[in-house]
Amino acid sequence: MQIRKATPEDTEAIALLFMLVMDSMVYRFIGEKDVHKGISFFQKFIQQKNNQYSYQNCDVAIEDNEVVGVINIYDGALLQKLRQPVLDYIHEHNNPKFIIEDETQYGEFYIDVLAVKSLYQGKGIGSRLLEHAIQEFCVEQHKTLGLLVDEINPNAKKLYLKCGFKKVGEKPLSSHNMEHLQLKI
């Protein structure tokens, strides 16, 4: 398996991976439960620069010349700037009154999405993507990694705790109370 920076050519595969973990969130964004519209929503932003879902903020795992996993990370201090194109689109095309809580903050690099294709789950790909991020951000750049996790996916929480993340609080996000975990080395 290889891990590399994502490119615009990875957009379709990344959008499908995002849907694995963010389907309910994107349905809230677009105002309806439509898989194809959710995928299209993510594709629009993944292929563009300078937004929270951009390929610029993604690393992908490659197995057999196929994108099988993704990790999406950005500087929490830039959340408002990176989120604005997404909010502008939602307000113009879906819901002019849509609001969402801030899931990250200044002082952490935020893991927004970590996803692995179903057929490749349980093979250590998610762990390798997370270890790659820890090496790049915590070890090499001396940054703090942060993320939110809830009870819906206990295996994800178990992975984060195993990798050294610690609970630093709770945050509401999209009508869910989430645990805020961070890793500082």
N, C-alpha and C. Protein backbone atom coordinates (compact mmCIF):
# COMPACT_ATOMS: atom_id res chain seq x y z
N MET A 1 0.84 -1.18 0.00
CA MET A 1 0.00 0.00 0.00
C MET A 1 0.89 1.25 0.00
N GLN A 2 0.46 2.24 -0.73
CA GLN A 2 1.15 3.52 -0.83
C GLN A 2 0.23 4.63 -0.32
N ILE A 3 0.80 5.62 0.35
CA ILE A 3 0.04 6.81 0.74
C ILE A 3 0.67 7.99 0.03
N ARG A 4 -0.18 8.82 -0.61
CA ARG A 4 0.31 9.98 -1.33
C ARG A 4 -0.69 11.12 -1.22
N LYS A 5 -0.24 12.32 -1.58
CA LYS A 5 -1.13 13.47 -1.63
C LYS A 5 -2.18 13.22 -2.70
N ALA A 6 -3.39 13.64 -2.45
CA ALA A 6 -4.47 13.49 -3.44
C ALA A 6 -4.28 14.48 -4.57
N THR A 7 -4.88 14.15 -5.69
CA THR A 7 -4.88 15.02 -6.86
C THR A 7 -6.33 15.20 -7.31
N PRO A 8 -6.59 16.18 -8.19
CA PRO A 8 -7.97 16.33 -8.69
C PRO A 8 -8.49 15.07 -9.37
N GLU A 9 -7.61 14.27 -9.93
CA GLU A 9 -8.03 13.03 -10.59
C GLU A 9 -8.61 12.01 -9.60
N ASP A 10 -8.35 12.18 -8.33
CA ASP A 10 -8.86 11.28 -7.29
C ASP A 10 -10.26 11.67 -6.81
N THR A 11 -10.82 12.72 -7.36
CA THR A 11 -12.07 13.30 -6.85
C THR A 11 -13.18 12.29 -6.70
N GLU A 12 -13.47 11.51 -7.72
CA GLU A 12 -14.60 10.58 -7.65
C GLU A 12 -14.41 9.56 -6.53
N ALA A 13 -13.22 8.98 -6.45
CA ALA A 13 -12.96 7.97 -5.41
C ALA A 13 -13.05 8.59 -4.02
N ILE A 14 -12.52 9.80 -3.85
CA ILE A 14 -12.57 10.46 -2.55
C ILE A 14 -14.02 10.76 -2.16
N ALA A 15 -14.82 11.23 -3.11
CA ALA A 15 -16.23 11.54 -2.82
C ALA A 15 -16.97 10.30 -2.33
N LEU A 16 -16.72 9.17 -2.95
CA LEU A 16 -17.36 7.92 -2.51
C LEU A 16 -16.92 7.55 -1.10
N LEU A 17 -15.64 7.76 -0.80
CA LEU A 17 -15.14 7.48 0.55
C LEU A 17 -15.74 8.44 1.57
N PHE A 18 -15.83 9.72 1.23
CA PHE A 18 -16.46 10.69 2.12
C PHE A 18 -17.89 10.26 2.47
N MET A 19 -18.61 9.76 1.47
CA MET A 19 -20.00 9.35 1.71
C MET A 19 -20.10 8.21 2.71
N LEU A 20 -19.07 7.38 2.80
CA LEU A 20 -19.10 6.27 3.76
C LEU A 20 -19.23 6.76 5.20
N VAL A 21 -18.63 7.91 5.50
CA VAL A 21 -18.61 8.38 6.88
C VAL A 21 -19.40 9.67 7.09
N MET A 22 -19.78 10.34 6.00
CA MET A 22 -20.44 11.64 6.14
C MET A 22 -21.79 11.71 5.43
N ASP A 23 -22.40 10.56 5.17
CA ASP A 23 -23.66 10.57 4.42
C ASP A 23 -24.75 11.36 5.15
N SER A 24 -24.91 11.14 6.43
CA SER A 24 -25.98 11.87 7.14
C SER A 24 -25.68 13.37 7.20
N MET A 25 -24.41 13.74 7.29
CA MET A 25 -24.03 15.15 7.32
C MET A 25 -24.32 15.81 5.97
N VAL A 26 -23.93 15.15 4.88
CA VAL A 26 -24.16 15.76 3.56
C VAL A 26 -25.65 15.84 3.26
N TYR A 27 -26.45 14.89 3.73
CA TYR A 27 -27.90 14.98 3.53
C TYR A 27 -28.45 16.21 4.24
N ARG A 28 -27.88 16.53 5.38
CA ARG A 28 -28.28 17.76 6.08
C ARG A 28 -27.86 18.98 5.26
N PHE A 29 -26.66 18.94 4.66
CA PHE A 29 -26.19 20.04 3.83
C PHE A 29 -27.12 20.28 2.65
N ILE A 30 -27.48 19.20 1.95
CA ILE A 30 -28.24 19.36 0.70
C ILE A 30 -29.75 19.33 0.91
N GLY A 31 -30.18 18.99 2.11
CA GLY A 31 -31.60 19.04 2.43
C GLY A 31 -32.42 17.87 1.94
N GLU A 32 -31.76 16.80 1.51
CA GLU A 32 -32.49 15.60 1.10
C GLU A 32 -31.56 14.39 1.16
N LYS A 33 -32.17 13.21 1.24
CA LYS A 33 -31.40 11.97 1.33
C LYS A 33 -31.28 11.37 -0.06
N ASP A 34 -30.28 11.83 -0.80
CA ASP A 34 -30.05 11.38 -2.17
C ASP A 34 -28.55 11.11 -2.34
N VAL A 35 -28.19 9.84 -2.47
CA VAL A 35 -26.78 9.44 -2.54
C VAL A 35 -26.07 10.13 -3.69
N HIS A 36 -26.70 10.16 -4.86
CA HIS A 36 -26.05 10.75 -6.04
C HIS A 36 -25.81 12.24 -5.85
N LYS A 37 -26.76 12.94 -5.26
CA LYS A 37 -26.57 14.37 -5.00
C LYS A 37 -25.51 14.59 -3.93
N GLY A 38 -25.44 13.69 -2.96
CA GLY A 38 -24.40 13.78 -1.94
C GLY A 38 -23.01 13.61 -2.55
N ILE A 39 -22.87 12.62 -3.41
CA ILE A 39 -21.59 12.39 -4.09
C ILE A 39 -21.23 13.61 -4.94
N SER A 40 -22.20 14.14 -5.67
CA SER A 40 -21.95 15.32 -6.52
C SER A 40 -21.54 16.52 -5.69
N PHE A 41 -22.17 16.69 -4.52
CA PHE A 41 -21.82 17.78 -3.63
C PHE A 41 -20.34 17.68 -3.25
N PHE A 42 -19.93 16.50 -2.79
CA PHE A 42 -18.53 16.34 -2.39
C PHE A 42 -17.58 16.51 -3.58
N GLN A 43 -17.95 15.95 -4.73
CA GLN A 43 -17.09 16.08 -5.91
C GLN A 43 -16.82 17.54 -6.24
N LYS A 44 -17.87 18.36 -6.16
CA LYS A 44 -17.73 19.78 -6.47
C LYS A 44 -16.62 20.41 -5.65
N PHE A 45 -16.58 20.10 -4.36
CA PHE A 45 -15.60 20.74 -3.48
C PHE A 45 -14.25 20.03 -3.46
N ILE A 46 -14.24 18.72 -3.58
CA ILE A 46 -12.97 17.99 -3.58
C ILE A 46 -12.10 18.43 -4.74
N GLN A 47 -12.68 18.61 -5.91
CA GLN A 47 -11.88 18.96 -7.09
C GLN A 47 -11.43 20.42 -7.11
N GLN A 48 -11.99 21.24 -6.24
CA GLN A 48 -11.61 22.65 -6.17
C GLN A 48 -10.53 22.87 -5.11
N LYS A 49 -9.85 24.00 -5.22
CA LYS A 49 -8.87 24.39 -4.22
C LYS A 49 -9.53 25.25 -3.14
N ASN A 50 -8.85 25.36 -2.02
CA ASN A 50 -9.17 26.34 -0.97
C ASN A 50 -10.55 26.17 -0.34
N ASN A 51 -10.89 24.94 0.03
CA ASN A 51 -12.06 24.68 0.87
C ASN A 51 -11.75 23.46 1.73
N GLN A 52 -12.54 23.23 2.75
CA GLN A 52 -12.21 22.19 3.71
C GLN A 52 -12.18 20.79 3.11
N TYR A 53 -12.91 20.54 2.04
CA TYR A 53 -12.95 19.20 1.45
C TYR A 53 -12.02 19.05 0.26
N SER A 54 -11.27 20.08 -0.08
CA SER A 54 -10.40 20.08 -1.25
C SER A 54 -9.40 18.92 -1.23
N TYR A 55 -9.10 18.46 -2.43
CA TYR A 55 -8.05 17.45 -2.58
C TYR A 55 -6.73 17.93 -1.94
N GLN A 56 -6.55 19.24 -1.86
CA GLN A 56 -5.33 19.80 -1.26
C GLN A 56 -5.17 19.37 0.20
N ASN A 57 -6.28 19.06 0.86
CA ASN A 57 -6.28 18.68 2.27
C ASN A 57 -6.41 17.18 2.48
N CYS A 58 -6.20 16.42 1.42
CA CYS A 58 -6.38 14.97 1.49
C CYS A 58 -5.12 14.21 1.13
N ASP A 59 -4.90 13.11 1.82
CA ASP A 59 -3.93 12.09 1.44
C ASP A 59 -4.75 10.83 1.17
N VAL A 60 -4.30 10.06 0.19
CA VAL A 60 -5.03 8.85 -0.18
C VAL A 60 -4.14 7.62 -0.03
N ALA A 61 -4.79 6.50 0.28
CA ALA A 61 -4.12 5.20 0.32
C ALA A 61 -4.42 4.50 -1.00
N ILE A 62 -3.37 3.97 -1.62
CA ILE A 62 -3.49 3.31 -2.91
C ILE A 62 -3.14 1.83 -2.74
N GLU A 63 -4.01 0.99 -3.23
CA GLU A 63 -3.78 -0.46 -3.23
C GLU A 63 -4.22 -0.97 -4.60
N ASP A 64 -3.37 -1.72 -5.26
CA ASP A 64 -3.69 -2.24 -6.60
C ASP A 64 -4.12 -1.13 -7.55
N ASN A 65 -3.39 0.00 -7.53
CA ASN A 65 -3.65 1.17 -8.39
C ASN A 65 -5.04 1.77 -8.19
N GLU A 66 -5.60 1.59 -7.00
CA GLU A 66 -6.95 2.08 -6.70
C GLU A 66 -6.91 2.86 -5.39
N VAL A 67 -7.65 3.97 -5.33
CA VAL A 67 -7.79 4.72 -4.09
C VAL A 67 -8.72 3.92 -3.18
N VAL A 68 -8.18 3.48 -2.04
CA VAL A 68 -8.97 2.65 -1.12
C VAL A 68 -9.19 3.31 0.23
N GLY A 69 -8.52 4.45 0.46
CA GLY A 69 -8.69 5.16 1.72
C GLY A 69 -8.32 6.62 1.57
N VAL A 70 -8.83 7.43 2.49
CA VAL A 70 -8.54 8.87 2.46
C VAL A 70 -8.52 9.41 3.87
N ILE A 71 -7.67 10.41 4.06
CA ILE A 71 -7.68 11.19 5.29
C ILE A 71 -7.69 12.65 4.87
N ASN A 72 -8.62 13.42 5.45
CA ASN A 72 -8.81 14.83 5.12
C ASN A 72 -8.47 15.64 6.37
N ILE A 73 -7.43 16.50 6.26
CA ILE A 73 -6.92 17.26 7.41
C ILE A 73 -6.66 18.69 6.98
N TYR A 74 -7.06 19.63 7.84
CA TYR A 74 -6.77 21.04 7.57
C TYR A 74 -6.52 21.78 8.88
N ASP A 75 -5.93 22.95 8.74
CA ASP A 75 -5.59 23.80 9.88
C ASP A 75 -6.87 24.37 10.48
N GLY A 76 -7.14 24.06 11.73
CA GLY A 76 -8.34 24.53 12.40
C GLY A 76 -8.45 26.04 12.43
N ALA A 77 -7.32 26.74 12.43
CA ALA A 77 -7.34 28.20 12.41
C ALA A 77 -7.94 28.75 11.13
N LEU A 78 -7.97 27.92 10.08
CA LEU A 78 -8.49 28.35 8.77
C LEU A 78 -9.92 27.86 8.51
N LEU A 79 -10.56 27.29 9.53
CA LEU A 79 -11.89 26.72 9.34
C LEU A 79 -12.85 27.69 8.66
N GLN A 80 -12.98 28.91 9.16
CA GLN A 80 -13.95 29.84 8.60
C GLN A 80 -13.68 30.11 7.12
N LYS A 81 -12.43 30.33 6.78
CA LYS A 81 -12.04 30.61 5.40
C LYS A 81 -12.30 29.38 4.51
N LEU A 82 -11.93 28.20 4.98
CA LEU A 82 -12.10 26.98 4.19
C LEU A 82 -13.56 26.55 4.10
N ARG A 83 -14.34 26.85 5.10
CA ARG A 83 -15.75 26.46 5.12
C ARG A 83 -16.62 27.41 4.29
N GLN A 84 -16.19 28.66 4.14
CA GLN A 84 -17.05 29.67 3.50
C GLN A 84 -17.55 29.28 2.12
N PRO A 85 -16.71 28.73 1.21
CA PRO A 85 -17.24 28.33 -0.10
C PRO A 85 -18.34 27.26 0.01
N VAL A 86 -18.18 26.36 0.97
CA VAL A 86 -19.17 25.31 1.19
C VAL A 86 -20.48 25.93 1.69
N LEU A 87 -20.39 26.81 2.68
CA LEU A 87 -21.58 27.47 3.21
C LEU A 87 -22.26 28.34 2.15
N ASP A 88 -21.46 29.06 1.37
CA ASP A 88 -22.04 29.90 0.32
C ASP A 88 -22.85 29.06 -0.65
N TYR A 89 -22.32 27.90 -1.02
CA TYR A 89 -23.03 27.01 -1.95
C TYR A 89 -24.32 26.49 -1.31
N ILE A 90 -24.23 26.03 -0.08
CA ILE A 90 -25.41 25.51 0.61
C ILE A 90 -26.47 26.60 0.72
N HIS A 91 -26.06 27.81 1.10
CA HIS A 91 -27.01 28.91 1.25
C HIS A 91 -27.66 29.28 -0.08
N GLU A 92 -26.92 29.22 -1.15
CA GLU A 92 -27.45 29.60 -2.47
C GLU A 92 -28.31 28.51 -3.08
N HIS A 93 -27.93 27.24 -2.90
CA HIS A 93 -28.60 26.15 -3.62
C HIS A 93 -29.51 25.27 -2.78
N ASN A 94 -29.34 25.28 -1.46
CA ASN A 94 -30.08 24.33 -0.65
C ASN A 94 -30.88 24.94 0.49
N ASN A 95 -30.21 25.69 1.36
CA ASN A 95 -30.88 26.19 2.55
C ASN A 95 -30.23 27.51 2.97
N PRO A 96 -30.89 28.63 2.68
CA PRO A 96 -30.29 29.93 2.99
C PRO A 96 -30.08 30.19 4.48
N LYS A 97 -30.72 29.41 5.34
CA LYS A 97 -30.60 29.61 6.79
C LYS A 97 -29.72 28.56 7.47
N PHE A 98 -29.05 27.74 6.68
CA PHE A 98 -28.25 26.66 7.23
C PHE A 98 -27.11 27.20 8.08
N ILE A 99 -26.94 26.62 9.27
CA ILE A 99 -25.80 26.94 10.13
C ILE A 99 -25.23 25.63 10.66
N ILE A 100 -23.97 25.66 10.99
CA ILE A 100 -23.32 24.49 11.58
C ILE A 100 -22.27 24.97 12.58
N GLU A 101 -22.11 24.20 13.61
CA GLU A 101 -21.16 24.55 14.66
C GLU A 101 -19.73 24.40 14.14
N ASP A 102 -18.81 25.09 14.80
CA ASP A 102 -17.39 24.94 14.50
C ASP A 102 -16.89 23.65 15.13
N GLU A 103 -16.36 22.75 14.32
CA GLU A 103 -15.89 21.49 14.86
C GLU A 103 -14.42 21.50 15.23
N THR A 104 -13.72 22.55 14.86
CA THR A 104 -12.29 22.66 15.18
C THR A 104 -11.98 24.08 15.59
N GLN A 105 -10.70 24.34 15.83
CA GLN A 105 -10.31 25.61 16.40
C GLN A 105 -8.86 25.92 16.10
N TYR A 106 -8.48 27.12 16.38
CA TYR A 106 -7.08 27.52 16.30
C TYR A 106 -6.26 26.59 17.19
N GLY A 107 -5.10 26.20 16.73
CA GLY A 107 -4.21 25.40 17.56
C GLY A 107 -4.24 23.92 17.27
N GLU A 108 -5.10 23.48 16.35
CA GLU A 108 -5.09 22.07 15.99
C GLU A 108 -5.27 21.90 14.49
N PHE A 109 -4.71 20.84 13.99
CA PHE A 109 -4.99 20.40 12.63
C PHE A 109 -6.08 19.35 12.76
N TYR A 110 -7.16 19.57 12.04
CA TYR A 110 -8.38 18.81 12.25
C TYR A 110 -8.54 17.68 11.24
N ILE A 111 -8.74 16.47 11.75
CA ILE A 111 -9.04 15.33 10.91
C ILE A 111 -10.55 15.32 10.70
N ASP A 112 -10.97 15.78 9.54
CA ASP A 112 -12.40 15.86 9.23
C ASP A 112 -12.93 14.51 8.77
N VAL A 113 -12.16 13.82 7.93
CA VAL A 113 -12.61 12.53 7.38
C VAL A 113 -11.44 11.54 7.40
N LEU A 114 -11.72 10.35 7.86
CA LEU A 114 -10.84 9.19 7.70
C LEU A 114 -11.74 8.05 7.27
N ALA A 115 -11.55 7.58 6.03
CA ALA A 115 -12.44 6.56 5.50
C ALA A 115 -11.66 5.55 4.67
N VAL A 116 -12.13 4.30 4.74
CA VAL A 116 -11.54 3.20 3.98
C VAL A 116 -12.67 2.45 3.30
N LYS A 117 -12.46 2.10 2.03
CA LYS A 117 -13.46 1.31 1.29
C LYS A 117 -13.83 0.06 2.07
N SER A 118 -15.09 -0.29 2.02
CA SER A 118 -15.60 -1.42 2.80
C SER A 118 -14.80 -2.70 2.59
N LEU A 119 -14.47 -3.03 1.35
CA LEU A 119 -13.73 -4.26 1.06
C LEU A 119 -12.32 -4.27 1.63
N TYR A 120 -11.80 -3.11 1.99
CA TYR A 120 -10.44 -3.00 2.49
C TYR A 120 -10.38 -2.72 3.99
N GLN A 121 -11.53 -2.63 4.63
CA GLN A 121 -11.54 -2.37 6.06
C GLN A 121 -11.02 -3.58 6.83
N GLY A 122 -10.40 -3.32 7.97
CA GLY A 122 -9.86 -4.39 8.79
C GLY A 122 -8.48 -4.86 8.33
N LYS A 123 -7.88 -4.16 7.39
CA LYS A 123 -6.57 -4.54 6.86
C LYS A 123 -5.47 -3.55 7.27
N GLY A 124 -5.79 -2.65 8.20
CA GLY A 124 -4.79 -1.72 8.71
C GLY A 124 -4.61 -0.45 7.89
N ILE A 125 -5.44 -0.24 6.89
CA ILE A 125 -5.29 0.94 6.03
C ILE A 125 -5.64 2.21 6.79
N GLY A 126 -6.71 2.19 7.55
CA GLY A 126 -7.08 3.35 8.36
C GLY A 126 -5.98 3.68 9.37
N SER A 127 -5.43 2.65 9.99
CA SER A 127 -4.34 2.85 10.95
C SER A 127 -3.13 3.46 10.27
N ARG A 128 -2.81 2.98 9.07
CA ARG A 128 -1.64 3.51 8.35
C ARG A 128 -1.85 4.96 7.95
N LEU A 129 -3.07 5.31 7.51
CA LEU A 129 -3.36 6.71 7.17
C LEU A 129 -3.22 7.59 8.41
N LEU A 130 -3.73 7.11 9.53
CA LEU A 130 -3.64 7.87 10.78
C LEU A 130 -2.18 8.00 11.23
N GLU A 131 -1.43 6.94 11.16
CA GLU A 131 0.00 7.00 11.53
C GLU A 131 0.75 7.96 10.61
N HIS A 132 0.41 7.96 9.34
CA HIS A 132 1.01 8.89 8.37
C HIS A 132 0.75 10.34 8.80
N ALA A 133 -0.50 10.62 9.19
CA ALA A 133 -0.85 11.97 9.64
C ALA A 133 -0.13 12.34 10.93
N ILE A 134 -0.04 11.40 11.85
CA ILE A 134 0.66 11.65 13.11
C ILE A 134 2.13 11.97 12.83
N GLN A 135 2.74 11.21 11.95
CA GLN A 135 4.14 11.45 11.61
C GLN A 135 4.32 12.84 11.00
N GLU A 136 3.48 13.16 10.02
CA GLU A 136 3.60 14.44 9.32
C GLU A 136 3.31 15.64 10.22
N PHE A 137 2.21 15.59 10.93
CA PHE A 137 1.77 16.77 11.68
C PHE A 137 2.35 16.84 13.09
N CYS A 138 2.30 15.74 13.82
CA CYS A 138 2.75 15.77 15.23
C CYS A 138 4.26 15.64 15.36
N VAL A 139 4.83 14.65 14.70
CA VAL A 139 6.26 14.39 14.86
C VAL A 139 7.09 15.41 14.10
N GLU A 140 6.82 15.56 12.80
CA GLU A 140 7.67 16.43 11.97
C GLU A 140 7.37 17.92 12.15
N GLN A 141 6.09 18.29 12.30
CA GLN A 141 5.73 19.71 12.37
C GLN A 141 5.41 20.17 13.80
N HIS A 142 5.38 19.26 14.75
CA HIS A 142 5.08 19.59 16.16
C HIS A 142 3.72 20.28 16.30
N LYS A 143 2.73 19.79 15.56
CA LYS A 143 1.37 20.32 15.60
C LYS A 143 0.49 19.37 16.42
N THR A 144 -0.66 19.87 16.81
CA THR A 144 -1.67 19.07 17.50
C THR A 144 -2.70 18.60 16.49
N LEU A 145 -3.01 17.32 16.52
CA LEU A 145 -4.10 16.78 15.70
C LEU A 145 -5.35 16.70 16.56
N GLY A 146 -6.49 17.03 15.98
CA GLY A 146 -7.76 16.94 16.69
C GLY A 146 -8.82 16.32 15.81
N LEU A 147 -9.86 15.81 16.44
CA LEU A 147 -10.98 15.22 15.71
C LEU A 147 -12.17 15.10 16.65
N LEU A 148 -13.32 14.86 16.07
CA LEU A 148 -14.53 14.59 16.84
C LEU A 148 -14.97 13.16 16.55
N VAL A 149 -15.46 12.49 17.58
CA VAL A 149 -15.93 11.12 17.43
C VAL A 149 -17.18 10.96 18.30
N ASP A 150 -18.08 10.10 17.85
CA ASP A 150 -19.28 9.83 18.64
C ASP A 150 -19.46 8.33 18.83
N GLU A 151 -20.54 7.97 19.50
CA GLU A 151 -20.79 6.57 19.84
C GLU A 151 -21.22 5.73 18.64
N ILE A 152 -21.50 6.36 17.52
CA ILE A 152 -21.95 5.62 16.34
C ILE A 152 -20.86 4.68 15.83
N ASN A 153 -19.60 5.08 15.96
CA ASN A 153 -18.51 4.26 15.45
C ASN A 153 -17.48 3.99 16.56
N PRO A 154 -17.76 3.01 17.42
CA PRO A 154 -16.84 2.74 18.53
C PRO A 154 -15.47 2.25 18.07
N ASN A 155 -15.41 1.61 16.90
CA ASN A 155 -14.11 1.14 16.40
C ASN A 155 -13.19 2.30 16.05
N ALA A 156 -13.76 3.38 15.53
CA ALA A 156 -12.95 4.56 15.22
C ALA A 156 -12.37 5.13 16.51
N LYS A 157 -13.20 5.27 17.51
CA LYS A 157 -12.73 5.81 18.79
C LYS A 157 -11.62 4.92 19.37
N LYS A 158 -11.81 3.62 19.29
CA LYS A 158 -10.81 2.68 19.79
C LYS A 158 -9.48 2.88 19.06
N LEU A 159 -9.52 3.07 17.74
CA LEU A 159 -8.31 3.31 16.95
C LEU A 159 -7.61 4.59 17.40
N TYR A 160 -8.37 5.67 17.56
CA TYR A 160 -7.78 6.95 17.95
C TYR A 160 -7.13 6.86 19.33
N LEU A 161 -7.82 6.25 20.26
CA LEU A 161 -7.26 6.11 21.61
C LEU A 161 -6.00 5.25 21.59
N LYS A 162 -6.02 4.18 20.79
CA LYS A 162 -4.86 3.30 20.67
C LYS A 162 -3.65 4.06 20.11
N CYS A 163 -3.91 5.03 19.25
CA CYS A 163 -2.83 5.83 18.65
C CYS A 163 -2.38 6.98 19.54
N GLY A 164 -2.99 7.13 20.72
CA GLY A 164 -2.54 8.13 21.67
C GLY A 164 -3.41 9.36 21.81
N PHE A 165 -4.51 9.43 21.09
CA PHE A 165 -5.41 10.58 21.23
C PHE A 165 -6.04 10.54 22.62
N LYS A 166 -6.28 11.71 23.17
CA LYS A 166 -6.90 11.85 24.50
C LYS A 166 -8.13 12.75 24.39
N LYS A 167 -9.13 12.44 25.20
CA LYS A 167 -10.32 13.28 25.24
C LYS A 167 -9.98 14.60 25.92
N VAL A 168 -10.33 15.71 25.23
CA VAL A 168 -10.08 17.04 25.79
C VAL A 168 -11.37 17.80 26.03
N GLY A 169 -12.50 17.20 25.68
CA GLY A 169 -13.77 17.86 25.89
C GLY A 169 -14.84 17.28 25.00
N GLU A 170 -15.94 18.02 24.93
CA GLU A 170 -17.06 17.64 24.08
C GLU A 170 -17.47 18.84 23.26
N LYS A 171 -18.01 18.56 22.06
CA LYS A 171 -18.49 19.63 21.18
C LYS A 171 -19.77 19.15 20.51
N PRO A 172 -20.73 20.04 20.37
CA PRO A 172 -21.91 19.68 19.58
C PRO A 172 -21.59 19.84 18.10
N LEU A 173 -22.11 18.93 17.28
CA LEU A 173 -21.99 19.04 15.84
C LEU A 173 -23.19 18.38 15.20
N SER A 174 -23.95 19.18 14.49
CA SER A 174 -25.11 18.68 13.76
C SER A 174 -26.05 17.85 14.64
N SER A 175 -26.42 18.43 15.76
CA SER A 175 -27.37 17.82 16.69
C SER A 175 -26.82 16.58 17.40
N HIS A 176 -25.52 16.38 17.39
CA HIS A 176 -24.90 15.28 18.11
C HIS A 176 -23.89 15.85 19.10
N ASN A 177 -23.81 15.23 20.26
CA ASN A 177 -22.75 15.59 21.19
C ASN A 177 -21.56 14.69 20.89
N MET A 178 -20.46 15.29 20.51
CA MET A 178 -19.29 14.55 20.07
C MET A 178 -18.16 14.70 21.08
N GLU A 179 -17.31 13.67 21.18
CA GLU A 179 -16.12 13.78 22.00
C GLU A 179 -15.02 14.41 21.17
N HIS A 180 -14.34 15.37 21.75
CA HIS A 180 -13.23 16.06 21.10
C HIS A 180 -11.94 15.39 21.58
N LEU A 181 -11.21 14.76 20.66
CA LEU A 181 -9.96 14.10 20.97
C LEU A 181 -8.81 14.87 20.33
N GLN A 182 -7.67 14.86 21.00
CA GLN A 182 -6.47 15.49 20.45
C GLN A 182 -5.26 14.62 20.72
N LEU A 183 -4.25 14.82 19.86
CA LEU A 183 -2.96 14.18 20.04
C LEU A 183 -1.89 15.24 19.93
N LYS A 184 -1.08 15.34 20.99
CA LYS A 184 0.08 16.24 21.03
C LYS A 184 1.29 15.37 21.37
N ILE A 185 2.36 15.58 20.64
CA ILE A 185 3.58 14.81 20.93
C ILE A 185 4.67 15.78 21.33
